[in-house]
Amino acid sequence: MDNDLDQAKGRIKQAAGDLTGNDDLKQDGKTDENAGKVKEFFEDAKDKADDLVDKVKEKLHRD
């Protein structure tokens, strides 16, 4: 959820930077949006790894 918030905040900052001509604010927005995307990527990878570990545990317990 925080990832979505970071991405939304970044898009808002970028839009505000565009409207005001503030390149620093626009760049800060891009950074926030990208940070949210990176966090989301790693959380998804962690979830997939956790699922894989659970599957391996189930398989070992059945044997």
PDB file of N, CA and C in Angstrom:
ATOM      1  N   MET A   1       0.814  -1.190   0.000  1.00  0.00           N
ATOM      2  CA  MET A   1       0.000   0.000   0.000  1.00  0.00           C
ATOM      3  C   MET A   1       0.861   1.260   0.000  1.00  0.00           C
ATOM      4  N   ASP A   2       1.930   1.235   0.769  1.00  0.00           N
ATOM      5  CA  ASP A   2       2.835   2.384   0.788  1.00  0.00           C
ATOM      6  C   ASP A   2       3.432   2.634  -0.588  1.00  0.00           C
ATOM      7  N   ASN A   3       3.621   1.555  -1.338  1.00  0.00           N
ATOM      8  CA  ASN A   3       4.187   1.676  -2.673  1.00  0.00           C
ATOM      9  C   ASN A   3       3.262   2.497  -3.570  1.00  0.00           C
ATOM     10  N   ASP A   4       1.970   2.196  -3.496  1.00  0.00           N
ATOM     11  CA  ASP A   4       0.995   2.946  -4.285  1.00  0.00           C
ATOM     12  C   ASP A   4       0.978   4.407  -3.871  1.00  0.00           C
ATOM     13  N   LEU A   5       1.100   4.652  -2.566  1.00  0.00           N
ATOM     14  CA  LEU A   5       1.114   6.019  -2.059  1.00  0.00           C
ATOM     15  C   LEU A   5       2.342   6.765  -2.565  1.00  0.00           C
ATOM     16  N   ASP A   6       3.507   6.116  -2.524  1.00  0.00           N
ATOM     17  CA  ASP A   6       4.733   6.738  -3.039  1.00  0.00           C
ATOM     18  C   ASP A   6       4.596   7.075  -4.525  1.00  0.00           C
ATOM     19  N   GLN A   7       4.021   6.133  -5.266  1.00  0.00           N
ATOM     20  CA  GLN A   7       3.875   6.362  -6.706  1.00  0.00           C
ATOM     21  C   GLN A   7       2.894   7.500  -6.982  1.00  0.00           C
ATOM     22  N   ALA A   8       1.789   7.544  -6.247  1.00  0.00           N
ATOM     23  CA  ALA A   8       0.805   8.608  -6.432  1.00  0.00           C
ATOM     24  C   ALA A   8       1.395   9.965  -6.039  1.00  0.00           C
ATOM     25  N   LYS A   9       2.104   9.978  -4.921  1.00  0.00           N
ATOM     26  CA  LYS A   9       2.738  11.212  -4.465  1.00  0.00           C
ATOM     27  C   LYS A   9       3.735  11.706  -5.513  1.00  0.00           C
ATOM     28  N   GLY A  10       4.463  10.772  -6.097  1.00  0.00           N
ATOM     29  CA  GLY A  10       5.432  11.133  -7.128  1.00  0.00           C
ATOM     30  C   GLY A  10       4.768  11.722  -8.359  1.00  0.00           C
ATOM     31  N   ARG A  11       3.655  11.121  -8.771  1.00  0.00           N
ATOM     32  CA  ARG A  11       2.937  11.641  -9.944  1.00  0.00           C
ATOM     33  C   ARG A  11       2.377  13.045  -9.673  1.00  0.00           C
ATOM     34  N   ILE A  12       1.900  13.261  -8.448  1.00  0.00           N
ATOM     35  CA  ILE A  12       1.377  14.576  -8.082  1.00  0.00           C
ATOM     36  C   ILE A  12       2.493  15.616  -8.103  1.00  0.00           C
ATOM     37  N   LYS A  13       3.638  15.254  -7.545  1.00  0.00           N
ATOM     38  CA  LYS A  13       4.771  16.187  -7.553  1.00  0.00           C
ATOM     39  C   LYS A  13       5.215  16.501  -8.977  1.00  0.00           C
ATOM     40  N   GLN A  14       5.225  15.487  -9.827  1.00  0.00           N
ATOM     41  CA  GLN A  14       5.613  15.719 -11.215  1.00  0.00           C
ATOM     42  C   GLN A  14       4.646  16.678 -11.895  1.00  0.00           C
ATOM     43  N   ALA A  15       3.365  16.478 -11.663  1.00  0.00           N
ATOM     44  CA  ALA A  15       2.357  17.357 -12.260  1.00  0.00           C
ATOM     45  C   ALA A  15       2.507  18.781 -11.732  1.00  0.00           C
ATOM     46  N   ALA A  16       2.729  18.904 -10.431  1.00  0.00           N
ATOM     47  CA  ALA A  16       2.919  20.233  -9.842  1.00  0.00           C
ATOM     48  C   ALA A  16       4.169  20.892 -10.405  1.00  0.00           C
ATOM     49  N   GLY A  17       5.216  20.103 -10.584  1.00  0.00           N
ATOM     50  CA  GLY A  17       6.442  20.626 -11.169  1.00  0.00           C
ATOM     51  C   GLY A  17       6.231  21.093 -12.595  1.00  0.00           C
ATOM     52  N   ASP A  18       5.446  20.338 -13.354  1.00  0.00           N
ATOM     53  CA  ASP A  18       5.120  20.735 -14.726  1.00  0.00           C
ATOM     54  C   ASP A  18       4.336  22.040 -14.747  1.00  0.00           C
ATOM     55  N   LEU A  19       3.342  22.128 -13.875  1.00  0.00           N
ATOM     56  CA  LEU A  19       2.484  23.321 -13.852  1.00  0.00           C
ATOM     57  C   LEU A  19       3.233  24.586 -13.436  1.00  0.00           C
ATOM     58  N   THR A  20       4.164  24.421 -12.501  1.00  0.00           N
ATOM     59  CA  THR A  20       4.881  25.585 -11.969  1.00  0.00           C
ATOM     60  C   THR A  20       6.219  25.827 -12.658  1.00  0.00           C
ATOM     61  N   GLY A  21       6.627  24.880 -13.495  1.00  0.00           N
ATOM     62  CA  GLY A  21       7.934  25.007 -14.142  1.00  0.00           C
ATOM     63  C   GLY A  21       9.087  24.715 -13.202  1.00  0.00           C
ATOM     64  N   ASN A  22       8.809  24.018 -12.116  1.00  0.00           N
ATOM     65  CA  ASN A  22       9.817  23.702 -11.108  1.00  0.00           C
ATOM     66  C   ASN A  22      10.425  22.333 -11.430  1.00  0.00           C
ATOM     67  N   ASP A  23      11.607  22.353 -12.042  1.00  0.00           N
ATOM     68  CA  ASP A  23      12.250  21.105 -12.446  1.00  0.00           C
ATOM     69  C   ASP A  23      12.690  20.264 -11.251  1.00  0.00           C
ATOM     70  N   ASP A  24      13.064  20.919 -10.145  1.00  0.00           N
ATOM     71  CA  ASP A  24      13.470  20.173  -8.947  1.00  0.00           C
ATOM     72  C   ASP A  24      12.293  19.377  -8.381  1.00  0.00           C
ATOM     73  N   LEU A  25      11.123  19.990  -8.340  1.00  0.00           N
ATOM     74  CA  LEU A  25       9.933  19.307  -7.838  1.00  0.00           C
ATOM     75  C   LEU A  25       9.552  18.158  -8.769  1.00  0.00           C
ATOM     76  N   LYS A  26       9.663  18.394 -10.052  1.00  0.00           N
ATOM     77  CA  LYS A  26       9.359  17.355 -11.039  1.00  0.00           C
ATOM     78  C   LYS A  26      10.300  16.157 -10.863  1.00  0.00           C
ATOM     79  N   GLN A  27      11.593  16.425 -10.694  1.00  0.00           N
ATOM     80  CA  GLN A  27      12.574  15.357 -10.510  1.00  0.00           C
ATOM     81  C   GLN A  27      12.340  14.625  -9.190  1.00  0.00           C
ATOM     82  N   ASP A  28      11.984  15.371  -8.148  1.00  0.00           N
ATOM     83  CA  ASP A  28      11.685  14.766  -6.853  1.00  0.00           C
ATOM     84  C   ASP A  28      10.489  13.817  -6.996  1.00  0.00           C
ATOM     85  N   GLY A  29       9.517  14.215  -7.789  1.00  0.00           N
ATOM     86  CA  GLY A  29       8.359  13.367  -8.047  1.00  0.00           C
ATOM     87  C   GLY A  29       8.735  12.092  -8.768  1.00  0.00           C
ATOM     88  N   LYS A  30       9.619  12.209  -9.739  1.00  0.00           N
ATOM     89  CA  LYS A  30      10.070  11.008 -10.461  1.00  0.00           C
ATOM     90  C   LYS A  30      10.784  10.058  -9.514  1.00  0.00           C
ATOM     91  N   THR A  31      11.585  10.630  -8.622  1.00  0.00           N
ATOM     92  CA  THR A  31      12.309   9.810  -7.643  1.00  0.00           C
ATOM     93  C   THR A  31      11.335   9.080  -6.729  1.00  0.00           C
ATOM     94  N   ASP A  32      10.318   9.791  -6.228  1.00  0.00           N
ATOM     95  CA  ASP A  32       9.319   9.161  -5.358  1.00  0.00           C
ATOM     96  C   ASP A  32       8.577   8.044  -6.089  1.00  0.00           C
ATOM     97  N   GLU A  33       8.175   8.314  -7.317  1.00  0.00           N
ATOM     98  CA  GLU A  33       7.438   7.308  -8.088  1.00  0.00           C
ATOM     99  C   GLU A  33       8.295   6.069  -8.327  1.00  0.00           C
ATOM    100  N   ASN A  34       9.539   6.278  -8.697  1.00  0.00           N
ATOM    101  CA  ASN A  34      10.434   5.140  -8.941  1.00  0.00           C
ATOM    102  C   ASN A  34      10.721   4.361  -7.662  1.00  0.00           C
ATOM    103  N   ALA A  35      10.843   5.063  -6.545  1.00  0.00           N
ATOM    104  CA  ALA A  35      11.062   4.381  -5.263  1.00  0.00           C
ATOM    105  C   ALA A  35       9.885   3.467  -4.949  1.00  0.00           C
ATOM    106  N   GLY A  36       8.691   3.933  -5.210  1.00  0.00           N
ATOM    107  CA  GLY A  36       7.505   3.100  -4.995  1.00  0.00           C
ATOM    108  C   GLY A  36       7.504   1.872  -5.879  1.00  0.00           C
ATOM    109  N   LYS A  37       7.940   2.048  -7.121  1.00  0.00           N
ATOM    110  CA  LYS A  37       7.992   0.909  -8.048  1.00  0.00           C
ATOM    111  C   LYS A  37       9.030  -0.116  -7.603  1.00  0.00           C
ATOM    112  N   VAL A  38      10.181   0.367  -7.124  1.00  0.00           N
ATOM    113  CA  VAL A  38      11.238  -0.537  -6.665  1.00  0.00           C
ATOM    114  C   VAL A  38      10.770  -1.310  -5.432  1.00  0.00           C
ATOM    115  N   LYS A  39      10.147  -0.604  -4.491  1.00  0.00           N
ATOM    116  CA  LYS A  39       9.626  -1.279  -3.292  1.00  0.00           C
ATOM    117  C   LYS A  39       8.610  -2.356  -3.681  1.00  0.00           C
ATOM    118  N   GLU A  40       7.739  -2.026  -4.612  1.00  0.00           N
ATOM    119  CA  GLU A  40       6.729  -2.974  -5.061  1.00  0.00           C
ATOM    120  C   GLU A  40       7.373  -4.215  -5.686  1.00  0.00           C
ATOM    121  N   PHE A  41       8.399  -3.999  -6.500  1.00  0.00           N
ATOM    122  CA  PHE A  41       9.107  -5.107  -7.139  1.00  0.00           C
ATOM    123  C   PHE A  41       9.693  -6.055  -6.095  1.00  0.00           C
ATOM    124  N   PHE A  42      10.372  -5.488  -5.089  1.00  0.00           N
ATOM    125  CA  PHE A  42      11.017  -6.333  -4.086  1.00  0.00           C
ATOM    126  C   PHE A  42      10.003  -7.017  -3.172  1.00  0.00           C
ATOM    127  N   GLU A  43       8.904  -6.366  -2.886  1.00  0.00           N
ATOM    128  CA  GLU A  43       7.870  -7.018  -2.084  1.00  0.00           C
ATOM    129  C   GLU A  43       7.248  -8.187  -2.854  1.00  0.00           C
ATOM    130  N   ASP A  44       7.033  -7.992  -4.157  1.00  0.00           N
ATOM    131  CA  ASP A  44       6.502  -9.085  -4.984  1.00  0.00           C
ATOM    132  C   ASP A  44       7.488 -10.251  -5.024  1.00  0.00           C
ATOM    133  N   ALA A  45       8.778  -9.942  -5.173  1.00  0.00           N
ATOM    134  CA  ALA A  45       9.793 -10.993  -5.209  1.00  0.00           C
ATOM    135  C   ALA A  45       9.837 -11.741  -3.885  1.00  0.00           C
ATOM    136  N   LYS A  46       9.736 -11.009  -2.771  1.00  0.00           N
ATOM    137  CA  LYS A  46       9.738 -11.647  -1.454  1.00  0.00           C
ATOM    138  C   LYS A  46       8.521 -12.555  -1.298  1.00  0.00           C
ATOM    139  N   ASP A  47       7.358 -12.087  -1.736  1.00  0.00           N
ATOM    140  CA  ASP A  47       6.145 -12.906  -1.654  1.00  0.00           C
ATOM    141  C   ASP A  47       6.289 -14.193  -2.459  1.00  0.00           C
ATOM    142  N   LYS A  48       6.869 -14.088  -3.643  1.00  0.00           N
ATOM    143  CA  LYS A  48       7.062 -15.280  -4.483  1.00  0.00           C
ATOM    144  C   LYS A  48       8.045 -16.245  -3.828  1.00  0.00           C
ATOM    145  N   ALA A  49       9.098 -15.701  -3.225  1.00  0.00           N
ATOM    146  CA  ALA A  49      10.065 -16.557  -2.542  1.00  0.00           C
ATOM    147  C   ALA A  49       9.417 -17.254  -1.347  1.00  0.00           C
ATOM    148  N   ASP A  50       8.607 -16.517  -0.601  1.00  0.00           N
ATOM    149  CA  ASP A  50       7.899 -17.112   0.542  1.00  0.00           C
ATOM    150  C   ASP A  50       6.974 -18.237   0.078  1.00  0.00           C
ATOM    151  N   ASP A  51       6.271 -18.011  -1.032  1.00  0.00           N
ATOM    152  CA  ASP A  51       5.384 -19.049  -1.579  1.00  0.00           C
ATOM    153  C   ASP A  51       6.173 -20.288  -1.980  1.00  0.00           C
ATOM    154  N   LEU A  52       7.323 -20.082  -2.589  1.00  0.00           N
ATOM    155  CA  LEU A  52       8.162 -21.201  -3.009  1.00  0.00           C
ATOM    156  C   LEU A  52       8.642 -21.994  -1.793  1.00  0.00           C
ATOM    157  N   VAL A  53       9.059 -21.291  -0.742  1.00  0.00           N
ATOM    158  CA  VAL A  53       9.508 -21.969   0.478  1.00  0.00           C
ATOM    159  C   VAL A  53       8.365 -22.789   1.069  1.00  0.00           C
ATOM    160  N   ASP A  54       7.168 -22.220   1.090  1.00  0.00           N
ATOM    161  CA  ASP A  54       6.008 -22.950   1.619  1.00  0.00           C
ATOM    162  C   ASP A  54       5.731 -24.209   0.806  1.00  0.00           C
ATOM    163  N   LYS A  55       5.826 -24.117  -0.518  1.00  0.00           N
ATOM    164  CA  LYS A  55       5.593 -25.280  -1.374  1.00  0.00           C
ATOM    165  C   LYS A  55       6.625 -26.369  -1.123  1.00  0.00           C
ATOM    166  N   VAL A  56       7.862 -25.962  -0.937  1.00  0.00           N
ATOM    167  CA  VAL A  56       8.933 -26.939  -0.682  1.00  0.00           C
ATOM    168  C   VAL A  56       8.693 -27.615   0.675  1.00  0.00           C
ATOM    169  N   LYS A  57       8.302 -26.831   1.669  1.00  0.00           N
ATOM    170  CA  LYS A  57       8.012 -27.400   2.991  1.00  0.00           C
ATOM    171  C   LYS A  57       6.873 -28.420   2.903  1.00  0.00           C
ATOM    172  N   GLU A  58       5.812 -28.067   2.164  1.00  0.00           N
ATOM    173  CA  GLU A  58       4.679 -28.975   2.017  1.00  0.00           C
ATOM    174  C   GLU A  58       5.125 -30.273   1.342  1.00  0.00           C
ATOM    175  N   LYS A  59       5.934 -30.150   0.337  1.00  0.00           N
ATOM    176  CA  LYS A  59       6.409 -31.321  -0.397  1.00  0.00           C
ATOM    177  C   LYS A  59       7.247 -32.207   0.522  1.00  0.00           C
ATOM    178  N   LEU A  60       8.111 -31.619   1.312  1.00  0.00           N
ATOM    179  CA  LEU A  60       8.965 -32.391   2.201  1.00  0.00           C
ATOM    180  C   LEU A  60       8.153 -33.064   3.314  1.00  0.00           C
ATOM    181  N   HIS A  61       7.124 -32.429   3.764  1.00  0.00           N
ATOM    182  CA  HIS A  61       6.305 -33.015   4.829  1.00  0.00           C
ATOM    183  C   HIS A  61       5.436 -34.171   4.314  1.00  0.00           C
ATOM    184  N   ARG A  62       5.118 -34.166   3.028  1.00  0.00           N
ATOM    185  CA  ARG A  62       4.311 -35.242   2.453  1.00  0.00           C
ATOM    186  C   ARG A  62       5.132 -36.501   2.226  1.00  0.00           C
ATOM    187  N   ASP A  63       6.413 -36.325   1.987  1.00  0.00           N
ATOM    188  CA  ASP A  63       7.284 -37.475   1.673  1.00  0.00           C
ATOM    189  C   ASP A  63       7.705 -38.229   2.892  1.00  0.00           C
TER     190      ASP A  63
END
